[in-house]
């Protein structure tokens, strides 16, 4: 039973990891981008500044960089400093939730459920601090949709969030409703809603990525690969899926599609260039399965 629960939780984590990477209107989250998604360079640049002379914005950016690089303890320490200082609480608590979510892969089987619930708690606190924080609100909804019931999944609780999301952003409402429809085994309705969520704004990256993941889960690998390939044409900000994550998903779709040469090339690129050790390991696992 423990092994089955562990597999279900890891499956949920892989689903949710993309759902929580989305932009928000708050200044901290939208105020900086990372050239070439090079979080190592960002961390090195800020680490060169004496801690006592860093601004809160720099501390936030450094926390993000450490999270992206898999340095989760450091990321959590920096984020806790921001929360203690009451710095942009909605944003800081949202980031804390992301770090906890990533930790689910790191902790032992007996701590996975508790760690996942810490992520949910942080996002709920972010909403309390900033009721207009669409990012945290969507993360909570996605958690309820995708988490197994033993870890706190609750489809009714997810549906109850829809009016709040609609009041803040109709595109995220369609996205959330599409995820719920997919969970209810309504694939045609889910696809319709996810396509309606597409926007010409900065969130286009998120909506395309989610649509690509939907097609991948539906085993429509041609369409999935097409959506992931389209993402190469968009500028990526720090909160978007990193290029290695996009290439990983595209490589996996191409592998399922049967284009093994192109798939191997992409996965080898991810293994060589990804800055996050988790993505490197994921690519290595996919390559080992050839």
C-alpha atoms as a PDB file:
ATOM      1  CA  UNK A   1       0.000   0.000   0.000  1.00  0.00           C
ATOM      2  CA  UNK A   2       2.841   2.405   0.849  1.00  0.00           C
ATOM      3  CA  UNK A   3       4.505   1.690  -2.509  1.00  0.00           C
ATOM      4  CA  UNK A   4       1.240   2.274  -4.384  1.00  0.00           C
ATOM      5  CA  UNK A   5       0.664   5.531  -2.527  1.00  0.00           C
ATOM      6  CA  UNK A   6       4.214   6.633  -3.286  1.00  0.00           C
ATOM      7  CA  UNK A   7       3.766   5.989  -7.017  1.00  0.00           C
ATOM      8  CA  UNK A   8       0.474   7.860  -7.030  1.00  0.00           C
ATOM      9  CA  UNK A   9       2.044  10.822  -5.248  1.00  0.00           C
ATOM     10  CA  UNK A  10       4.973  10.987  -7.672  1.00  0.00           C
ATOM     11  CA  UNK A  11       2.548  10.817 -10.588  1.00  0.00           C
ATOM     12  CA  UNK A  12       0.648  13.717  -9.051  1.00  0.00           C
ATOM     13  CA  UNK A  13       3.877  15.671  -8.620  1.00  0.00           C
ATOM     14  CA  UNK A  14       4.801  15.277 -12.285  1.00  0.00           C
ATOM     15  CA  UNK A  15       1.340  16.516 -13.247  1.00  0.00           C
ATOM     16  CA  UNK A  16       1.328  19.461 -10.884  1.00  0.00           C
ATOM     17  CA  UNK A  17       4.848  20.680 -11.568  1.00  0.00           C
ATOM     18  CA  UNK A  18       3.757  22.307 -14.791  1.00  0.00           C
ATOM     19  CA  UNK A  19       0.500  23.654 -13.394  1.00  0.00           C
ATOM     20  CA  UNK A  20       2.248  25.800 -10.825  1.00  0.00           C
ATOM     21  CA  UNK A  21       4.638  27.529 -13.205  1.00  0.00           C
ATOM     22  CA  UNK A  22       2.627  30.513 -14.308  1.00  0.00           C
ATOM     23  CA  UNK A  23       2.930  34.295 -14.290  1.00  0.00           C
ATOM     24  CA  UNK A  24       1.192  36.722 -12.029  1.00  0.00           C
ATOM     25  CA  UNK A  25       0.657  40.459 -12.099  1.00  0.00           C
ATOM     26  CA  UNK A  26       2.488  41.154  -8.809  1.00  0.00           C
ATOM     27  CA  UNK A  27       5.609  43.243  -9.355  1.00  0.00           C
ATOM     28  CA  UNK A  28       8.119  40.849  -7.770  1.00  0.00           C
ATOM     29  CA  UNK A  29       7.207  37.913  -9.974  1.00  0.00           C
ATOM     30  CA  UNK A  30       7.067  39.895 -13.197  1.00  0.00           C
ATOM     31  CA  UNK A  31       9.918  42.322 -12.592  1.00  0.00           C
ATOM     32  CA  UNK A  32      12.860  40.202 -13.703  1.00  0.00           C
ATOM     33  CA  UNK A  33      13.727  37.754 -16.415  1.00  0.00           C
ATOM     34  CA  UNK A  34      16.725  35.464 -16.705  1.00  0.00           C
ATOM     35  CA  UNK A  35      18.690  35.585 -19.994  1.00  0.00           C
ATOM     36  CA  UNK A  36      18.776  32.104 -21.520  1.00  0.00           C
ATOM     37  CA  UNK A  37      17.167  30.820 -18.299  1.00  0.00           C
ATOM     38  CA  UNK A  38      20.688  30.737 -16.849  1.00  0.00           C
ATOM     39  CA  UNK A  39      19.949  30.512 -13.141  1.00  0.00           C
ATOM     40  CA  UNK A  40      23.542  29.597 -12.335  1.00  0.00           C
ATOM     41  CA  UNK A  41      24.704  32.967 -13.664  1.00  0.00           C
ATOM     42  CA  UNK A  42      21.933  34.705 -11.735  1.00  0.00           C
ATOM     43  CA  UNK A  43      22.931  32.979  -8.488  1.00  0.00           C
ATOM     44  CA  UNK A  44      26.613  33.761  -9.017  1.00  0.00           C
ATOM     45  CA  UNK A  45      25.879  37.420  -9.672  1.00  0.00           C
ATOM     46  CA  UNK A  46      23.776  37.872  -6.536  1.00  0.00           C
ATOM     47  CA  UNK A  47      26.041  35.754  -4.347  1.00  0.00           C
ATOM     48  CA  UNK A  48      28.802  38.234  -5.190  1.00  0.00           C
ATOM     49  CA  UNK A  49      26.837  40.830  -3.206  1.00  0.00           C
ATOM     50  CA  UNK A  50      27.358  40.785   0.550  1.00  0.00           C
ATOM     51  CA  UNK A  51      24.194  39.394   2.217  1.00  0.00           C
ATOM     52  CA  UNK A  52      23.892  42.494   4.393  1.00  0.00           C
ATOM     53  CA  UNK A  53      23.813  44.682   1.272  1.00  0.00           C
ATOM     54  CA  UNK A  54      21.321  42.679  -0.762  1.00  0.00           C
ATOM     55  CA  UNK A  55      17.905  44.119  -1.445  1.00  0.00           C
ATOM     56  CA  UNK A  56      14.810  42.030  -0.790  1.00  0.00           C
ATOM     57  CA  UNK A  57      14.316  41.783  -4.562  1.00  0.00           C
ATOM     58  CA  UNK A  58      17.793  40.288  -4.904  1.00  0.00           C
ATOM     59  CA  UNK A  59      17.092  37.852  -2.080  1.00  0.00           C
ATOM     60  CA  UNK A  60      13.878  36.786  -3.800  1.00  0.00           C
ATOM     61  CA  UNK A  61      15.727  36.275  -7.086  1.00  0.00           C
ATOM     62  CA  UNK A  62      18.434  34.280  -5.326  1.00  0.00           C
ATOM     63  CA  UNK A  63      15.794  32.089  -3.683  1.00  0.00           C
ATOM     64  CA  UNK A  64      14.259  31.462  -7.103  1.00  0.00           C
ATOM     65  CA  UNK A  65      17.654  30.628  -8.604  1.00  0.00           C
ATOM     66  CA  UNK A  66      18.440  28.141  -5.836  1.00  0.00           C
ATOM     67  CA  UNK A  67      15.021  26.525  -6.234  1.00  0.00           C
ATOM     68  CA  UNK A  68      15.568  26.174  -9.984  1.00  0.00           C
ATOM     69  CA  UNK A  69      19.044  24.731  -9.411  1.00  0.00           C
ATOM     70  CA  UNK A  70      17.792  22.149  -6.928  1.00  0.00           C
ATOM     71  CA  UNK A  71      19.404  23.808  -3.896  1.00  0.00           C
ATOM     72  CA  UNK A  72      16.195  23.475  -1.933  1.00  0.00           C
ATOM     73  CA  UNK A  73      17.471  24.027   1.625  1.00  0.00           C
ATOM     74  CA  UNK A  74      19.119  27.299   0.643  1.00  0.00           C
ATOM     75  CA  UNK A  75      16.035  28.342  -1.305  1.00  0.00           C
ATOM     76  CA  UNK A  76      13.831  27.622   1.698  1.00  0.00           C
ATOM     77  CA  UNK A  77      16.127  29.530   4.080  1.00  0.00           C
ATOM     78  CA  UNK A  78      16.082  32.611   1.838  1.00  0.00           C
ATOM     79  CA  UNK A  79      12.320  32.416   1.367  1.00  0.00           C
ATOM     80  CA  UNK A  80      11.753  32.162   5.110  1.00  0.00           C
ATOM     81  CA  UNK A  81      13.835  35.317   5.531  1.00  0.00           C
ATOM     82  CA  UNK A  82      11.549  37.119   3.091  1.00  0.00           C
ATOM     83  CA  UNK A  83       8.424  35.904   4.864  1.00  0.00           C
ATOM     84  CA  UNK A  84       9.801  36.952   8.242  1.00  0.00           C
ATOM     85  CA  UNK A  85      10.428  40.407   6.770  1.00  0.00           C
ATOM     86  CA  UNK A  86       6.851  40.545   5.395  1.00  0.00           C
ATOM     87  CA  UNK A  87       8.261  41.029   1.910  1.00  0.00           C
ATOM     88  CA  UNK A  88       5.605  40.576  -0.813  1.00  0.00           C
ATOM     89  CA  UNK A  89       3.964  37.844   1.278  1.00  0.00           C
ATOM     90  CA  UNK A  90       1.773  36.531  -1.515  1.00  0.00           C
ATOM     91  CA  UNK A  91       4.782  35.998  -3.767  1.00  0.00           C
ATOM     92  CA  UNK A  92       7.116  34.730  -1.050  1.00  0.00           C
ATOM     93  CA  UNK A  93       4.581  32.220   0.276  1.00  0.00           C
ATOM     94  CA  UNK A  94       3.801  31.075  -3.239  1.00  0.00           C
ATOM     95  CA  UNK A  95       7.504  30.403  -3.820  1.00  0.00           C
ATOM     96  CA  UNK A  96       7.669  28.559  -0.483  1.00  0.00           C
ATOM     97  CA  UNK A  97       4.935  26.256  -1.754  1.00  0.00           C
ATOM     98  CA  UNK A  98       6.844  25.573  -4.965  1.00  0.00           C
ATOM     99  CA  UNK A  99       9.925  24.624  -2.978  1.00  0.00           C
ATOM    100  CA  UNK A 100       7.927  22.243  -0.782  1.00  0.00           C
ATOM    101  CA  UNK A 101       6.373  20.701  -3.885  1.00  0.00           C
ATOM    102  CA  UNK A 102       9.814  20.049  -5.331  1.00  0.00           C
ATOM    103  CA  UNK A 103      10.921  18.562  -2.003  1.00  0.00           C
ATOM    104  CA  UNK A 104       8.324  15.802  -2.398  1.00  0.00           C
ATOM    105  CA  UNK A 105      10.722  14.076  -4.793  1.00  0.00           C
ATOM    106  CA  UNK A 106      13.594  14.386  -2.314  1.00  0.00           C
ATOM    107  CA  UNK A 107      12.117  13.172   0.982  1.00  0.00           C
ATOM    108  CA  UNK A 108      11.549   9.561   1.984  1.00  0.00           C
ATOM    109  CA  UNK A 109       8.237   7.828   1.387  1.00  0.00           C
ATOM    110  CA  UNK A 110       6.957   8.488   4.902  1.00  0.00           C
ATOM    111  CA  UNK A 111       7.341  12.254   4.513  1.00  0.00           C
ATOM    112  CA  UNK A 112       5.974  12.734   1.001  1.00  0.00           C
ATOM    113  CA  UNK A 113       2.332  13.325   1.954  1.00  0.00           C
ATOM    114  CA  UNK A 114       3.244  15.731   4.747  1.00  0.00           C
ATOM    115  CA  UNK A 115       5.580  17.652   2.465  1.00  0.00           C
ATOM    116  CA  UNK A 116       2.935  17.915  -0.261  1.00  0.00           C
ATOM    117  CA  UNK A 117       0.479  19.285   2.282  1.00  0.00           C
ATOM    118  CA  UNK A 118       3.067  21.880   3.323  1.00  0.00           C
ATOM    119  CA  UNK A 119       2.990  23.143  -0.265  1.00  0.00           C
ATOM    120  CA  UNK A 120      -0.797  23.400  -0.146  1.00  0.00           C
ATOM    121  CA  UNK A 121      -0.657  25.229   3.197  1.00  0.00           C
ATOM    122  CA  UNK A 122       1.866  27.768   1.865  1.00  0.00           C
ATOM    123  CA  UNK A 123      -0.303  28.497  -1.187  1.00  0.00           C
ATOM    124  CA  UNK A 124      -3.398  28.904   0.977  1.00  0.00           C
ATOM    125  CA  UNK A 125      -1.452  31.340   3.172  1.00  0.00           C
ATOM    126  CA  UNK A 126      -0.413  33.219   0.028  1.00  0.00           C
ATOM    127  CA  UNK A 127      -4.088  33.655  -0.881  1.00  0.00           C
ATOM    128  CA  UNK A 128      -4.835  34.893   2.625  1.00  0.00           C
ATOM    129  CA  UNK A 129      -2.023  37.429   2.300  1.00  0.00           C
ATOM    130  CA  UNK A 130      -3.108  38.464  -1.188  1.00  0.00           C
ATOM    131  CA  UNK A 131      -6.646  37.371  -2.242  1.00  0.00           C
ATOM    132  CA  UNK A 132      -5.883  38.509  -5.816  1.00  0.00           C
ATOM    133  CA  UNK A 133      -2.877  36.208  -6.172  1.00  0.00           C
ATOM    134  CA  UNK A 134      -4.101  34.206  -9.172  1.00  0.00           C
ATOM    135  CA  UNK A 135      -0.919  32.148  -9.201  1.00  0.00           C
ATOM    136  CA  UNK A 136      -1.425  30.756  -5.699  1.00  0.00           C
ATOM    137  CA  UNK A 137      -5.149  30.327  -6.281  1.00  0.00           C
ATOM    138  CA  UNK A 138      -4.524  28.305  -9.405  1.00  0.00           C
ATOM    139  CA  UNK A 139      -1.857  26.222  -7.645  1.00  0.00           C
ATOM    140  CA  UNK A 140      -4.309  25.323  -4.870  1.00  0.00           C
ATOM    141  CA  UNK A 141      -6.938  24.367  -7.436  1.00  0.00           C
ATOM    142  CA  UNK A 142      -4.486  22.240  -9.414  1.00  0.00           C
ATOM    143  CA  UNK A 143      -3.422  20.538  -6.192  1.00  0.00           C
ATOM    144  CA  UNK A 144      -7.012  19.579  -5.359  1.00  0.00           C
ATOM    145  CA  UNK A 145      -7.555  18.315  -8.917  1.00  0.00           C
ATOM    146  CA  UNK A 146      -4.426  16.192  -9.225  1.00  0.00           C
ATOM    147  CA  UNK A 147      -3.449  15.044  -5.748  1.00  0.00           C
ATOM    148  CA  UNK A 148      -4.579  11.545  -4.797  1.00  0.00           C
ATOM    149  CA  UNK A 149      -7.293  11.583  -2.145  1.00  0.00           C
ATOM    150  CA  UNK A 150      -4.955  10.275   0.565  1.00  0.00           C
ATOM    151  CA  UNK A 151      -2.733  13.340  -0.011  1.00  0.00           C
ATOM    152  CA  UNK A 152      -5.558  15.877   0.079  1.00  0.00           C
ATOM    153  CA  UNK A 153      -7.027  15.676  -3.414  1.00  0.00           C
ATOM    154  CA  UNK A 154     -10.624  16.902  -3.518  1.00  0.00           C
ATOM    155  CA  UNK A 155     -12.429  17.591  -6.793  1.00  0.00           C
ATOM    156  CA  UNK A 156     -15.318  19.355  -5.034  1.00  0.00           C
ATOM    157  CA  UNK A 157     -12.850  21.696  -3.347  1.00  0.00           C
ATOM    158  CA  UNK A 158     -11.310  22.414  -6.761  1.00  0.00           C
ATOM    159  CA  UNK A 159     -14.706  23.249  -8.261  1.00  0.00           C
ATOM    160  CA  UNK A 160     -15.440  25.581  -5.348  1.00  0.00           C
ATOM    161  CA  UNK A 161     -12.435  27.703  -6.372  1.00  0.00           C
ATOM    162  CA  UNK A 162     -13.682  28.320  -9.915  1.00  0.00           C
ATOM    163  CA  UNK A 163     -15.787  31.446  -9.132  1.00  0.00           C
ATOM    164  CA  UNK A 164     -12.761  33.052  -7.463  1.00  0.00           C
ATOM    165  CA  UNK A 165     -10.565  32.295 -10.445  1.00  0.00           C
ATOM    166  CA  UNK A 166     -13.172  33.581 -12.910  1.00  0.00           C
ATOM    167  CA  UNK A 167     -13.385  36.865 -11.030  1.00  0.00           C
ATOM    168  CA  UNK A 168      -9.627  37.344 -11.426  1.00  0.00           C
ATOM    169  CA  UNK A 169      -8.800  35.894 -14.839  1.00  0.00           C
ATOM    170  CA  UNK A 170     -11.120  34.193 -17.392  1.00  0.00           C
ATOM    171  CA  UNK A 171      -8.211  32.417 -19.089  1.00  0.00           C
ATOM    172  CA  UNK A 172      -7.117  30.737 -15.883  1.00  0.00           C
ATOM    173  CA  UNK A 173     -10.750  29.874 -15.226  1.00  0.00           C
ATOM    174  CA  UNK A 174     -10.922  28.004 -18.536  1.00  0.00           C
ATOM    175  CA  UNK A 175      -7.635  26.298 -17.774  1.00  0.00           C
ATOM    176  CA  UNK A 176      -8.777  25.193 -14.314  1.00  0.00           C
ATOM    177  CA  UNK A 177     -12.164  24.075 -15.645  1.00  0.00           C
ATOM    178  CA  UNK A 178     -10.377  22.103 -18.361  1.00  0.00           C
ATOM    179  CA  UNK A 179      -8.260  20.255 -15.802  1.00  0.00           C
ATOM    180  CA  UNK A 180     -11.387  19.415 -13.821  1.00  0.00           C
ATOM    181  CA  UNK A 181     -13.165  18.162 -16.960  1.00  0.00           C
ATOM    182  CA  UNK A 182     -10.175  15.955 -17.771  1.00  0.00           C
ATOM    183  CA  UNK A 183     -10.291  14.517 -14.255  1.00  0.00           C
ATOM    184  CA  UNK A 184     -14.001  13.790 -14.758  1.00  0.00           C
ATOM    185  CA  UNK A 185     -13.210  11.748 -17.891  1.00  0.00           C
ATOM    186  CA  UNK A 186     -14.587  14.384 -20.259  1.00  0.00           C
ATOM    187  CA  UNK A 187     -11.649  14.665 -22.711  1.00  0.00           C
ATOM    188  CA  UNK A 188     -13.508  16.519 -25.464  1.00  0.00           C
ATOM    189  CA  UNK A 189     -14.824  19.115 -23.025  1.00  0.00           C
ATOM    190  CA  UNK A 190     -11.374  19.382 -21.437  1.00  0.00           C
ATOM    191  CA  UNK A 191      -9.686  20.008 -24.798  1.00  0.00           C
ATOM    192  CA  UNK A 192     -12.275  22.656 -25.693  1.00  0.00           C
ATOM    193  CA  UNK A 193     -11.719  24.517 -22.422  1.00  0.00           C
ATOM    194  CA  UNK A 194      -7.928  24.288 -22.618  1.00  0.00           C
ATOM    195  CA  UNK A 195      -7.969  25.648 -26.174  1.00  0.00           C
ATOM    196  CA  UNK A 196     -10.274  28.466 -25.057  1.00  0.00           C
ATOM    197  CA  UNK A 197      -7.728  29.315 -22.361  1.00  0.00           C
ATOM    198  CA  UNK A 198      -5.155  30.297 -24.986  1.00  0.00           C
ATOM    199  CA  UNK A 199      -4.406  33.992 -24.932  1.00  0.00           C
ATOM    200  CA  UNK A 200      -2.202  36.365 -26.872  1.00  0.00           C
ATOM    201  CA  UNK A 201      -0.797  37.766 -23.635  1.00  0.00           C
ATOM    202  CA  UNK A 202       2.320  36.711 -21.694  1.00  0.00           C
ATOM    203  CA  UNK A 203       0.477  33.676 -20.357  1.00  0.00           C
ATOM    204  CA  UNK A 204       0.449  32.101 -23.836  1.00  0.00           C
ATOM    205  CA  UNK A 205       3.512  30.081 -22.815  1.00  0.00           C
ATOM    206  CA  UNK A 206       1.654  28.581 -19.869  1.00  0.00           C
ATOM    207  CA  UNK A 207      -1.498  27.799 -21.815  1.00  0.00           C
ATOM    208  CA  UNK A 208       0.425  26.152 -24.657  1.00  0.00           C
ATOM    209  CA  UNK A 209       2.483  24.107 -22.221  1.00  0.00           C
ATOM    210  CA  UNK A 210      -0.637  22.900 -20.423  1.00  0.00           C
ATOM    211  CA  UNK A 211      -2.333  22.038 -23.715  1.00  0.00           C
ATOM    212  CA  UNK A 212       0.758  20.095 -24.763  1.00  0.00           C
ATOM    213  CA  UNK A 213       0.730  18.175 -21.477  1.00  0.00           C
ATOM    214  CA  UNK A 214      -2.964  17.424 -21.943  1.00  0.00           C
ATOM    215  CA  UNK A 215      -2.305  15.968 -25.391  1.00  0.00           C
ATOM    216  CA  UNK A 216       0.588  13.939 -23.983  1.00  0.00           C
ATOM    217  CA  UNK A 217      -1.606  12.461 -21.256  1.00  0.00           C
ATOM    218  CA  UNK A 218      -4.273  11.730 -23.894  1.00  0.00           C
ATOM    219  CA  UNK A 219      -1.592   9.891 -25.913  1.00  0.00           C
ATOM    220  CA  UNK A 220      -2.005  12.340 -28.797  1.00  0.00           C
ATOM    221  CA  UNK A 221       1.738  12.620 -29.166  1.00  0.00           C
ATOM    222  CA  UNK A 222       1.755  14.398 -32.545  1.00  0.00           C
ATOM    223  CA  UNK A 223      -0.204  17.340 -31.175  1.00  0.00           C
ATOM    224  CA  UNK A 224       1.767  17.305 -27.954  1.00  0.00           C
ATOM    225  CA  UNK A 225       5.089  17.555 -29.802  1.00  0.00           C
ATOM    226  CA  UNK A 226       3.699  20.363 -31.983  1.00  0.00           C
ATOM    227  CA  UNK A 227       2.650  22.422 -28.949  1.00  0.00           C
ATOM    228  CA  UNK A 228       6.005  21.975 -27.222  1.00  0.00           C
ATOM    229  CA  UNK A 229       7.846  22.916 -30.422  1.00  0.00           C
ATOM    230  CA  UNK A 230       5.821  26.126 -30.713  1.00  0.00           C
ATOM    231  CA  UNK A 231       7.142  27.229 -27.347  1.00  0.00           C
ATOM    232  CA  UNK A 232      10.570  27.768 -28.913  1.00  0.00           C
ATOM    233  CA  UNK A 233       9.174  30.938 -30.531  1.00  0.00           C
ATOM    234  CA  UNK A 234       8.280  32.618 -27.233  1.00  0.00           C
ATOM    235  CA  UNK A 235      10.474  34.590 -24.843  1.00  0.00           C
ATOM    236  CA  UNK A 236      10.653  32.775 -21.520  1.00  0.00           C
ATOM    237  CA  UNK A 237      10.638  34.425 -18.121  1.00  0.00           C
ATOM    238  CA  UNK A 238      11.915  32.928 -14.880  1.00  0.00           C
ATOM    239  CA  UNK A 239       8.513  31.570 -13.896  1.00  0.00           C
ATOM    240  CA  UNK A 240       7.906  29.801 -17.220  1.00  0.00           C
ATOM    241  CA  UNK A 241       8.935  26.200 -17.848  1.00  0.00           C
ATOM    242  CA  UNK A 242      12.662  26.296 -18.554  1.00  0.00           C
ATOM    243  CA  UNK A 243      13.902  25.305 -22.038  1.00  0.00           C
ATOM    244  CA  UNK A 244      15.193  21.978 -20.686  1.00  0.00           C
ATOM    245  CA  UNK A 245      11.735  21.112 -19.327  1.00  0.00           C
ATOM    246  CA  UNK A 246      10.132  21.963 -22.666  1.00  0.00           C
ATOM    247  CA  UNK A 247      12.743  19.926 -24.564  1.00  0.00           C
ATOM    248  CA  UNK A 248      12.284  17.026 -22.167  1.00  0.00           C
ATOM    249  CA  UNK A 249       8.524  16.941 -22.758  1.00  0.00           C
ATOM    250  CA  UNK A 250       8.979  17.271 -26.497  1.00  0.00           C
ATOM    251  CA  UNK A 251      11.595  14.524 -26.510  1.00  0.00           C
ATOM    252  CA  UNK A 252       9.274  12.224 -24.580  1.00  0.00           C
ATOM    253  CA  UNK A 253       6.428  12.956 -27.010  1.00  0.00           C
ATOM    254  CA  UNK A 254       8.644  12.266 -30.020  1.00  0.00           C
ATOM    255  CA  UNK A 255       9.765   9.014 -28.432  1.00  0.00           C
ATOM    256  CA  UNK A 256       6.158   7.900 -28.011  1.00  0.00           C
ATOM    257  CA  UNK A 257       5.476   9.084 -31.558  1.00  0.00           C
ATOM    258  CA  UNK A 258       8.235   6.815 -32.846  1.00  0.00           C
ATOM    259  CA  UNK A 259      10.751   9.447 -33.942  1.00  0.00           C
ATOM    260  CA  UNK A 260      13.539   7.921 -31.892  1.00  0.00           C
ATOM    261  CA  UNK A 261      16.425   9.802 -33.511  1.00  0.00           C
ATOM    262  CA  UNK A 262      14.949  13.240 -32.825  1.00  0.00           C
ATOM    263  CA  UNK A 263      13.873  12.141 -29.369  1.00  0.00           C
ATOM    264  CA  UNK A 264      17.338  10.915 -28.423  1.00  0.00           C
ATOM    265  CA  UNK A 265      18.930  14.142 -29.666  1.00  0.00           C
ATOM    266  CA  UNK A 266      16.625  16.278 -27.515  1.00  0.00           C
ATOM    267  CA  UNK A 267      16.998  14.106 -24.437  1.00  0.00           C
ATOM    268  CA  UNK A 268      20.794  14.107 -24.753  1.00  0.00           C
ATOM    269  CA  UNK A 269      20.680  17.911 -24.976  1.00  0.00           C
ATOM    270  CA  UNK A 270      18.633  18.045 -21.773  1.00  0.00           C
ATOM    271  CA  UNK A 271      21.052  15.695 -20.015  1.00  0.00           C
ATOM    272  CA  UNK A 272      24.005  17.854 -21.021  1.00  0.00           C
ATOM    273  CA  UNK A 273      22.572  21.347 -20.543  1.00  0.00           C
ATOM    274  CA  UNK A 274      19.915  21.176 -17.819  1.00  0.00           C
ATOM    275  CA  UNK A 275      20.954  23.087 -14.718  1.00  0.00           C
ATOM    276  CA  UNK A 276      18.509  21.258 -12.476  1.00  0.00           C
ATOM    277  CA  UNK A 277      19.746  17.814 -11.346  1.00  0.00           C
ATOM    278  CA  UNK A 278      16.206  16.476 -11.336  1.00  0.00           C
ATOM    279  CA  UNK A 279      15.753  17.258 -15.032  1.00  0.00           C
ATOM    280  CA  UNK A 280      19.141  15.705 -15.818  1.00  0.00           C
ATOM    281  CA  UNK A 281      18.131  12.534 -13.999  1.00  0.00           C
ATOM    282  CA  UNK A 282      14.749  12.461 -15.728  1.00  0.00           C
ATOM    283  CA  UNK A 283      16.419  12.750 -19.160  1.00  0.00           C
ATOM    284  CA  UNK A 284      18.919  10.041 -18.217  1.00  0.00           C
ATOM    285  CA  UNK A 285      16.082   7.728 -17.231  1.00  0.00           C
ATOM    286  CA  UNK A 286      14.316   8.308 -20.554  1.00  0.00           C
ATOM    287  CA  UNK A 287      17.534   7.661 -22.491  1.00  0.00           C
ATOM    288  CA  UNK A 288      18.212   4.469 -20.543  1.00  0.00           C
ATOM    289  CA  UNK A 289      14.836   3.145 -21.669  1.00  0.00           C
ATOM    290  CA  UNK A 290      15.756   3.220 -25.378  1.00  0.00           C
END
